[in-house]
Amino acid sequence: MKACDELLDRLEAIGPAELPADLAAHAQVCDDCRQAVARAQGLEEGGHAVRGLRAPAELVGRIKGMRRLPLAC
């Protein structure tokens, strides 16, 4: 498996903070992988930023009261 493919697979599975040293080193010299790691870090940071947010009770009630579409199966 190519280092780029392995890096992308690992990013999806474990996130940017847990990359093995060899893949982190690869990202230092590969522009595409460096950008992929930066995007993954941004997504991770964004997830932490919104984790504590709660939807207003009125919105939650409106969504829960919406009709559901019938299941296709």
C-alpha atoms as a PDB file:
ATOM      1  CA  MET A   1       0.000   0.000   0.000  1.00  0.00           C
ATOM      2  CA  LYS A   2       1.279   3.445  -0.884  1.00  0.00           C
ATOM      3  CA  ALA A   3       2.108   5.746   2.031  1.00  0.00           C
ATOM      4  CA  CYS A   4      -0.490   8.288   0.861  1.00  0.00           C
ATOM      5  CA  ASP A   5      -3.255   5.668   0.807  1.00  0.00           C
ATOM      6  CA  GLU A   6      -2.249   4.324   4.200  1.00  0.00           C
ATOM      7  CA  LEU A   7      -2.186   7.846   5.671  1.00  0.00           C
ATOM      8  CA  LEU A   8      -5.697   8.589   4.396  1.00  0.00           C
ATOM      9  CA  ASP A   9      -6.990   5.277   5.751  1.00  0.00           C
ATOM     10  CA  ARG A  10      -5.438   5.974   9.158  1.00  0.00           C
ATOM     11  CA  LEU A  11      -6.813   9.536   9.233  1.00  0.00           C
ATOM     12  CA  GLU A  12     -10.322   8.162   8.752  1.00  0.00           C
ATOM     13  CA  ALA A  13      -9.850   5.457  11.355  1.00  0.00           C
ATOM     14  CA  ILE A  14      -7.988   7.199  14.169  1.00  0.00           C
ATOM     15  CA  GLY A  15      -7.667  10.897  13.371  1.00  0.00           C
ATOM     16  CA  PRO A  16      -4.643  13.131  12.966  1.00  0.00           C
ATOM     17  CA  ALA A  17      -3.403  13.048  16.557  1.00  0.00           C
ATOM     18  CA  GLU A  18      -2.754   9.294  16.525  1.00  0.00           C
ATOM     19  CA  LEU A  19      -0.742   8.949  13.288  1.00  0.00           C
ATOM     20  CA  PRO A  20       2.276   6.642  13.540  1.00  0.00           C
ATOM     21  CA  ALA A  21       5.657   8.353  13.290  1.00  0.00           C
ATOM     22  CA  ASP A  22       6.396   7.058   9.790  1.00  0.00           C
ATOM     23  CA  LEU A  23       3.137   8.461   8.394  1.00  0.00           C
ATOM     24  CA  ALA A  24       3.571  11.757  10.245  1.00  0.00           C
ATOM     25  CA  ALA A  25       7.037  12.010   8.689  1.00  0.00           C
ATOM     26  CA  HIS A  26       5.566  11.265   5.262  1.00  0.00           C
ATOM     27  CA  ALA A  27       3.043  14.087   5.715  1.00  0.00           C
ATOM     28  CA  GLN A  28       5.952  16.472   6.301  1.00  0.00           C
ATOM     29  CA  VAL A  29       7.293  15.865   2.772  1.00  0.00           C
ATOM     30  CA  CYS A  30       4.075  15.209   0.808  1.00  0.00           C
ATOM     31  CA  ASP A  31       1.957  18.284   0.061  1.00  0.00           C
ATOM     32  CA  ASP A  32      -1.267  16.324  -0.521  1.00  0.00           C
ATOM     33  CA  CYS A  33      -0.918  14.406   2.732  1.00  0.00           C
ATOM     34  CA  ARG A  34       0.070  17.522   4.667  1.00  0.00           C
ATOM     35  CA  GLN A  35      -3.143  19.185   3.440  1.00  0.00           C
ATOM     36  CA  ALA A  36      -5.196  16.098   4.322  1.00  0.00           C
ATOM     37  CA  VAL A  37      -3.771  16.121   7.861  1.00  0.00           C
ATOM     38  CA  ALA A  38      -4.495  19.854   8.183  1.00  0.00           C
ATOM     39  CA  ARG A  39      -8.112  19.319   7.053  1.00  0.00           C
ATOM     40  CA  ALA A  40      -8.526  16.430   9.504  1.00  0.00           C
ATOM     41  CA  GLN A  41      -7.145  18.572  12.329  1.00  0.00           C
ATOM     42  CA  GLY A  42      -9.589  21.347  11.422  1.00  0.00           C
ATOM     43  CA  LEU A  43     -12.506  18.926  11.467  1.00  0.00           C
ATOM     44  CA  GLU A  44     -11.406  17.533  14.809  1.00  0.00           C
ATOM     45  CA  GLU A  45     -11.082  21.031  16.299  1.00  0.00           C
ATOM     46  CA  GLY A  46     -14.480  22.022  14.883  1.00  0.00           C
ATOM     47  CA  GLY A  47     -16.044  18.951  16.438  1.00  0.00           C
ATOM     48  CA  HIS A  48     -14.633  19.891  19.831  1.00  0.00           C
ATOM     49  CA  ALA A  49     -15.934  23.452  19.446  1.00  0.00           C
ATOM     50  CA  VAL A  50     -19.545  22.436  18.798  1.00  0.00           C
ATOM     51  CA  ARG A  51     -19.690  19.448  21.125  1.00  0.00           C
ATOM     52  CA  GLY A  52     -21.050  21.519  24.018  1.00  0.00           C
ATOM     53  CA  LEU A  53     -23.672  23.379  21.972  1.00  0.00           C
ATOM     54  CA  ARG A  54     -27.330  22.497  22.381  1.00  0.00           C
ATOM     55  CA  ALA A  55     -30.193  23.214  20.021  1.00  0.00           C
ATOM     56  CA  PRO A  56     -32.923  25.477  21.414  1.00  0.00           C
ATOM     57  CA  ALA A  57     -35.795  23.527  22.986  1.00  0.00           C
ATOM     58  CA  GLU A  58     -38.267  25.011  20.483  1.00  0.00           C
ATOM     59  CA  LEU A  59     -36.255  23.684  17.541  1.00  0.00           C
ATOM     60  CA  VAL A  60     -35.921  20.243  19.111  1.00  0.00           C
ATOM     61  CA  GLY A  61     -39.675  20.133  19.649  1.00  0.00           C
ATOM     62  CA  ARG A  62     -40.408  21.165  16.058  1.00  0.00           C
ATOM     63  CA  ILE A  63     -38.068  18.529  14.657  1.00  0.00           C
ATOM     64  CA  LYS A  64     -39.492  15.803  16.877  1.00  0.00           C
ATOM     65  CA  GLY A  65     -42.996  16.788  15.788  1.00  0.00           C
ATOM     66  CA  MET A  66     -42.246  16.476  12.075  1.00  0.00           C
ATOM     67  CA  ARG A  67     -43.816  13.661  10.107  1.00  0.00           C
ATOM     68  CA  ARG A  68     -41.461  10.872   9.196  1.00  0.00           C
ATOM     69  CA  LEU A  69     -41.146   9.569   5.678  1.00  0.00           C
ATOM     70  CA  PRO A  70     -42.110   5.932   5.217  1.00  0.00           C
ATOM     71  CA  LEU A  71     -39.208   3.509   5.067  1.00  0.00           C
ATOM     72  CA  ALA A  72     -38.218   2.424   1.577  1.00  0.00           C
ATOM     73  CA  CYS A  73     -37.844  -1.228   2.562  1.00  0.00           C
END
